[in-house]
Amino acid sequence: MDKEEAKNMNKSDLITALMVKNNLTEKQATDIINLVFDRFTKTLKDGGRIEIRGFGSFTVRQYKAYKGRNPKLGEYVEVKAKRLPFFKVGRELKKMADGK
């Protein structure tokens, strides 16, 4: 994959790259990618943590309820407590992104 191709990547690009690199059928590559994403999703939903050395880690963080402001109307609204996924970049990825 050259730099032009690497600017954006979506799920179908990942499937195609897996197919080409490992000589797989589209169905095999799709099944593998779906398996990985499904396991990641289930792990985070169940409160687990995903760590990929050299890349980063995923967790779910709990956020408390707070009063927010609707920017369109200027009114204050109550924002409910929520859980959201959080990604912390790994040291190696950070260095690579910084061009080091």
N, C-alpha and C. Protein backbone atom coordinates (compact mmCIF):
# COMPACT_ATOMS: atom_id res chain seq x y z
N MET A 1 0.84 -1.17 0.00
CA MET A 1 0.00 0.00 0.00
C MET A 1 0.89 1.24 0.00
N ASP A 2 0.71 2.13 -0.97
CA ASP A 2 1.53 3.34 -0.99
C ASP A 2 0.89 4.44 -0.15
N LYS A 3 1.57 5.60 -0.06
CA LYS A 3 1.09 6.67 0.81
C LYS A 3 -0.27 7.21 0.39
N GLU A 4 -0.55 7.25 -0.91
CA GLU A 4 -1.85 7.73 -1.38
C GLU A 4 -2.97 6.83 -0.89
N GLU A 5 -2.77 5.52 -0.97
CA GLU A 5 -3.79 4.57 -0.52
C GLU A 5 -3.96 4.61 0.99
N ALA A 6 -2.91 4.94 1.70
CA ALA A 6 -2.92 4.87 3.16
C ALA A 6 -3.58 6.08 3.81
N LYS A 7 -3.94 7.10 3.06
CA LYS A 7 -4.52 8.29 3.67
C LYS A 7 -5.84 8.01 4.39
N ASN A 8 -6.64 7.15 3.83
CA ASN A 8 -7.91 6.77 4.45
C ASN A 8 -8.07 5.26 4.33
N MET A 9 -8.60 4.66 5.37
CA MET A 9 -8.86 3.23 5.30
C MET A 9 -10.18 2.96 5.99
N ASN A 10 -11.00 2.15 5.35
CA ASN A 10 -12.24 1.73 5.97
C ASN A 10 -12.26 0.20 6.05
N LYS A 11 -13.36 -0.34 6.52
CA LYS A 11 -13.44 -1.78 6.75
C LYS A 11 -13.23 -2.57 5.46
N SER A 12 -13.81 -2.13 4.35
CA SER A 12 -13.66 -2.87 3.10
C SER A 12 -12.22 -2.82 2.60
N ASP A 13 -11.50 -1.70 2.85
CA ASP A 13 -10.09 -1.63 2.48
C ASP A 13 -9.27 -2.63 3.29
N LEU A 14 -9.61 -2.77 4.55
CA LEU A 14 -8.92 -3.72 5.42
C LEU A 14 -9.17 -5.15 4.95
N ILE A 15 -10.39 -5.44 4.56
CA ILE A 15 -10.73 -6.77 4.04
C ILE A 15 -9.94 -7.05 2.76
N THR A 16 -9.89 -6.07 1.86
CA THR A 16 -9.15 -6.24 0.61
C THR A 16 -7.67 -6.47 0.88
N ALA A 17 -7.08 -5.71 1.79
CA ALA A 17 -5.66 -5.87 2.11
C ALA A 17 -5.39 -7.26 2.68
N LEU A 18 -6.28 -7.75 3.53
CA LEU A 18 -6.14 -9.09 4.11
C LEU A 18 -6.25 -10.16 3.02
N MET A 19 -7.18 -9.98 2.09
CA MET A 19 -7.36 -10.92 0.98
C MET A 19 -6.08 -11.02 0.15
N VAL A 20 -5.55 -9.87 -0.24
CA VAL A 20 -4.39 -9.83 -1.13
C VAL A 20 -3.15 -10.38 -0.43
N LYS A 21 -2.90 -9.93 0.79
CA LYS A 21 -1.68 -10.33 1.49
C LYS A 21 -1.66 -11.82 1.83
N ASN A 22 -2.81 -12.39 2.12
CA ASN A 22 -2.86 -13.78 2.58
C ASN A 22 -3.53 -14.73 1.60
N ASN A 23 -3.80 -14.25 0.39
CA ASN A 23 -4.40 -15.08 -0.65
C ASN A 23 -5.68 -15.76 -0.16
N LEU A 24 -6.60 -14.94 0.39
CA LEU A 24 -7.87 -15.44 0.92
C LEU A 24 -9.02 -15.04 0.00
N THR A 25 -10.13 -15.72 0.14
CA THR A 25 -11.33 -15.29 -0.57
C THR A 25 -11.91 -14.09 0.17
N GLU A 26 -12.80 -13.38 -0.50
CA GLU A 26 -13.43 -12.22 0.14
C GLU A 26 -14.22 -12.65 1.37
N LYS A 27 -14.91 -13.79 1.28
CA LYS A 27 -15.68 -14.27 2.42
C LYS A 27 -14.78 -14.62 3.60
N GLN A 28 -13.66 -15.28 3.35
CA GLN A 28 -12.74 -15.63 4.43
C GLN A 28 -12.20 -14.36 5.11
N ALA A 29 -11.78 -13.40 4.30
CA ALA A 29 -11.24 -12.16 4.86
C ALA A 29 -12.31 -11.39 5.64
N THR A 30 -13.53 -11.34 5.10
CA THR A 30 -14.64 -10.67 5.78
C THR A 30 -14.95 -11.34 7.11
N ASP A 31 -14.96 -12.67 7.12
CA ASP A 31 -15.23 -13.41 8.36
C ASP A 31 -14.16 -13.12 9.42
N ILE A 32 -12.92 -13.04 9.02
CA ILE A 32 -11.82 -12.76 9.96
C ILE A 32 -11.98 -11.36 10.55
N ILE A 33 -12.19 -10.36 9.69
CA ILE A 33 -12.33 -8.97 10.16
C ILE A 33 -13.55 -8.85 11.07
N ASN A 34 -14.66 -9.45 10.68
CA ASN A 34 -15.87 -9.40 11.51
C ASN A 34 -15.66 -10.08 12.85
N LEU A 35 -14.93 -11.18 12.86
CA LEU A 35 -14.62 -11.87 14.12
C LEU A 35 -13.83 -10.95 15.06
N VAL A 36 -12.81 -10.30 14.52
CA VAL A 36 -11.98 -9.40 15.33
C VAL A 36 -12.83 -8.25 15.88
N PHE A 37 -13.58 -7.59 15.01
CA PHE A 37 -14.39 -6.45 15.46
C PHE A 37 -15.48 -6.88 16.44
N ASP A 38 -16.09 -8.03 16.20
CA ASP A 38 -17.12 -8.52 17.12
C ASP A 38 -16.54 -8.82 18.50
N ARG A 39 -15.35 -9.42 18.54
CA ARG A 39 -14.71 -9.70 19.83
C ARG A 39 -14.31 -8.41 20.55
N PHE A 40 -13.78 -7.44 19.80
CA PHE A 40 -13.44 -6.15 20.39
C PHE A 40 -14.69 -5.51 21.01
N THR A 41 -15.78 -5.50 20.25
CA THR A 41 -17.02 -4.89 20.71
C THR A 41 -17.54 -5.58 21.96
N LYS A 42 -17.55 -6.91 21.95
CA LYS A 42 -18.04 -7.66 23.11
C LYS A 42 -17.16 -7.42 24.34
N THR A 43 -15.87 -7.41 24.14
CA THR A 43 -14.95 -7.18 25.26
C THR A 43 -15.20 -5.82 25.90
N LEU A 44 -15.34 -4.78 25.08
CA LEU A 44 -15.59 -3.43 25.61
C LEU A 44 -16.97 -3.35 26.26
N LYS A 45 -17.96 -3.97 25.65
CA LYS A 45 -19.32 -3.95 26.20
C LYS A 45 -19.35 -4.61 27.57
N ASP A 46 -18.56 -5.66 27.74
CA ASP A 46 -18.50 -6.39 29.01
C ASP A 46 -17.58 -5.73 30.03
N GLY A 47 -17.05 -4.55 29.71
CA GLY A 47 -16.20 -3.82 30.64
C GLY A 47 -14.74 -4.17 30.59
N GLY A 48 -14.33 -4.92 29.58
CA GLY A 48 -12.93 -5.34 29.44
C GLY A 48 -12.06 -4.28 28.79
N ARG A 49 -10.83 -4.64 28.60
CA ARG A 49 -9.81 -3.75 28.02
C ARG A 49 -9.13 -4.49 26.89
N ILE A 50 -8.83 -3.78 25.81
CA ILE A 50 -8.13 -4.36 24.68
C ILE A 50 -6.79 -3.66 24.56
N GLU A 51 -5.71 -4.43 24.54
CA GLU A 51 -4.38 -3.85 24.38
C GLU A 51 -3.68 -4.50 23.20
N ILE A 52 -3.24 -3.67 22.28
CA ILE A 52 -2.48 -4.14 21.13
C ILE A 52 -1.11 -3.47 21.23
N ARG A 53 -0.12 -4.23 21.65
CA ARG A 53 1.23 -3.69 21.89
C ARG A 53 1.73 -2.96 20.66
N GLY A 54 2.27 -1.78 20.88
CA GLY A 54 2.82 -0.98 19.80
C GLY A 54 1.79 -0.12 19.09
N PHE A 55 0.51 -0.39 19.34
CA PHE A 55 -0.57 0.35 18.68
C PHE A 55 -1.33 1.21 19.69
N GLY A 56 -1.90 0.56 20.71
CA GLY A 56 -2.64 1.31 21.72
C GLY A 56 -3.59 0.41 22.47
N SER A 57 -4.40 1.03 23.32
CA SER A 57 -5.36 0.25 24.10
C SER A 57 -6.73 0.94 24.06
N PHE A 58 -7.75 0.10 24.15
CA PHE A 58 -9.13 0.56 24.16
C PHE A 58 -9.76 0.21 25.50
N THR A 59 -10.50 1.14 26.07
CA THR A 59 -11.25 0.90 27.30
C THR A 59 -12.59 1.62 27.16
N VAL A 60 -13.45 1.41 28.13
CA VAL A 60 -14.70 2.16 28.19
C VAL A 60 -14.63 3.00 29.45
N ARG A 61 -14.89 4.29 29.28
CA ARG A 61 -14.87 5.21 30.42
C ARG A 61 -16.29 5.62 30.79
N GLN A 62 -16.50 5.76 32.10
CA GLN A 62 -17.78 6.20 32.62
C GLN A 62 -17.74 7.72 32.80
N TYR A 63 -18.74 8.40 32.29
CA TYR A 63 -18.84 9.85 32.43
C TYR A 63 -20.08 10.18 33.25
N LYS A 64 -19.95 11.10 34.19
CA LYS A 64 -21.06 11.50 35.06
C LYS A 64 -22.03 12.40 34.29
N ALA A 65 -23.24 12.49 34.82
CA ALA A 65 -24.23 13.39 34.26
C ALA A 65 -23.78 14.84 34.52
N TYR A 66 -24.17 15.73 33.63
CA TYR A 66 -23.81 17.14 33.80
C TYR A 66 -24.82 18.02 33.06
N LYS A 67 -24.76 19.31 33.37
CA LYS A 67 -25.60 20.26 32.66
C LYS A 67 -24.83 20.78 31.46
N GLY A 68 -25.41 20.61 30.31
CA GLY A 68 -24.81 21.10 29.08
C GLY A 68 -25.64 22.23 28.51
N ARG A 69 -25.14 22.81 27.44
CA ARG A 69 -25.84 23.93 26.82
C ARG A 69 -26.07 23.62 25.35
N ASN A 70 -27.30 23.75 24.91
CA ASN A 70 -27.64 23.57 23.51
C ASN A 70 -27.13 24.80 22.76
N PRO A 71 -26.13 24.64 21.88
CA PRO A 71 -25.54 25.81 21.22
C PRO A 71 -26.50 26.50 20.25
N LYS A 72 -27.48 25.78 19.75
CA LYS A 72 -28.43 26.37 18.81
C LYS A 72 -29.42 27.29 19.51
N LEU A 73 -29.96 26.80 20.64
CA LEU A 73 -31.01 27.54 21.35
C LEU A 73 -30.49 28.29 22.57
N GLY A 74 -29.30 27.92 23.04
CA GLY A 74 -28.74 28.57 24.22
C GLY A 74 -29.33 28.07 25.52
N GLU A 75 -30.19 27.07 25.45
CA GLU A 75 -30.82 26.54 26.65
C GLU A 75 -29.92 25.52 27.33
N TYR A 76 -30.05 25.43 28.65
CA TYR A 76 -29.30 24.41 29.40
C TYR A 76 -30.11 23.12 29.40
N VAL A 77 -29.42 22.01 29.21
CA VAL A 77 -30.07 20.70 29.20
C VAL A 77 -29.29 19.76 30.10
N GLU A 78 -30.00 18.78 30.63
CA GLU A 78 -29.37 17.76 31.47
C GLU A 78 -28.83 16.66 30.57
N VAL A 79 -27.53 16.40 30.65
CA VAL A 79 -26.91 15.34 29.88
C VAL A 79 -26.74 14.15 30.83
N LYS A 80 -27.30 13.02 30.43
CA LYS A 80 -27.28 11.83 31.30
C LYS A 80 -25.88 11.23 31.38
N ALA A 81 -25.65 10.48 32.43
CA ALA A 81 -24.40 9.73 32.58
C ALA A 81 -24.28 8.76 31.41
N LYS A 82 -23.05 8.49 30.99
CA LYS A 82 -22.87 7.60 29.84
C LYS A 82 -21.52 6.91 29.91
N ARG A 83 -21.42 5.85 29.14
CA ARG A 83 -20.16 5.12 28.98
C ARG A 83 -19.76 5.27 27.52
N LEU A 84 -18.49 5.63 27.30
CA LEU A 84 -17.99 5.81 25.93
C LEU A 84 -16.65 5.12 25.76
N PRO A 85 -16.39 4.60 24.56
CA PRO A 85 -15.08 3.99 24.30
C PRO A 85 -13.99 5.06 24.31
N PHE A 86 -12.81 4.66 24.76
CA PHE A 86 -11.67 5.56 24.84
C PHE A 86 -10.44 4.83 24.29
N PHE A 87 -9.66 5.52 23.46
CA PHE A 87 -8.45 4.94 22.88
C PHE A 87 -7.24 5.70 23.39
N LYS A 88 -6.25 4.96 23.88
CA LYS A 88 -4.98 5.56 24.28
C LYS A 88 -3.91 5.03 23.34
N VAL A 89 -3.27 5.94 22.62
CA VAL A 89 -2.28 5.57 21.62
C VAL A 89 -1.03 4.98 22.28
N GLY A 90 -0.45 3.97 21.64
CA GLY A 90 0.76 3.33 22.13
C GLY A 90 2.01 4.14 21.78
N ARG A 91 3.06 3.91 22.50
CA ARG A 91 4.31 4.65 22.33
C ARG A 91 4.87 4.52 20.91
N GLU A 92 4.89 3.31 20.36
CA GLU A 92 5.46 3.10 19.03
C GLU A 92 4.64 3.81 17.95
N LEU A 93 3.32 3.74 18.05
CA LEU A 93 2.45 4.42 17.09
C LEU A 93 2.62 5.93 17.20
N LYS A 94 2.75 6.41 18.41
CA LYS A 94 2.93 7.84 18.64
C LYS A 94 4.21 8.32 17.96
N LYS A 95 5.28 7.55 18.12
CA LYS A 95 6.57 7.91 17.49
C LYS A 95 6.46 7.88 15.97
N MET A 96 5.82 6.84 15.44
CA MET A 96 5.69 6.70 14.00
C MET A 96 4.84 7.85 13.41
N ALA A 97 3.77 8.21 14.09
CA ALA A 97 2.91 9.30 13.61
C ALA A 97 3.66 10.63 13.64
N ASP A 98 4.60 10.75 14.58
CA ASP A 98 5.38 11.98 14.70
C ASP A 98 6.56 11.98 13.73
N GLY A 99 6.72 10.89 12.97
CA GLY A 99 7.78 10.82 11.96
C GLY A 99 9.15 10.48 12.53
N LYS A 100 9.19 9.90 13.69
CA LYS A 100 10.48 9.55 14.32
C LYS A 100 10.83 8.11 14.11
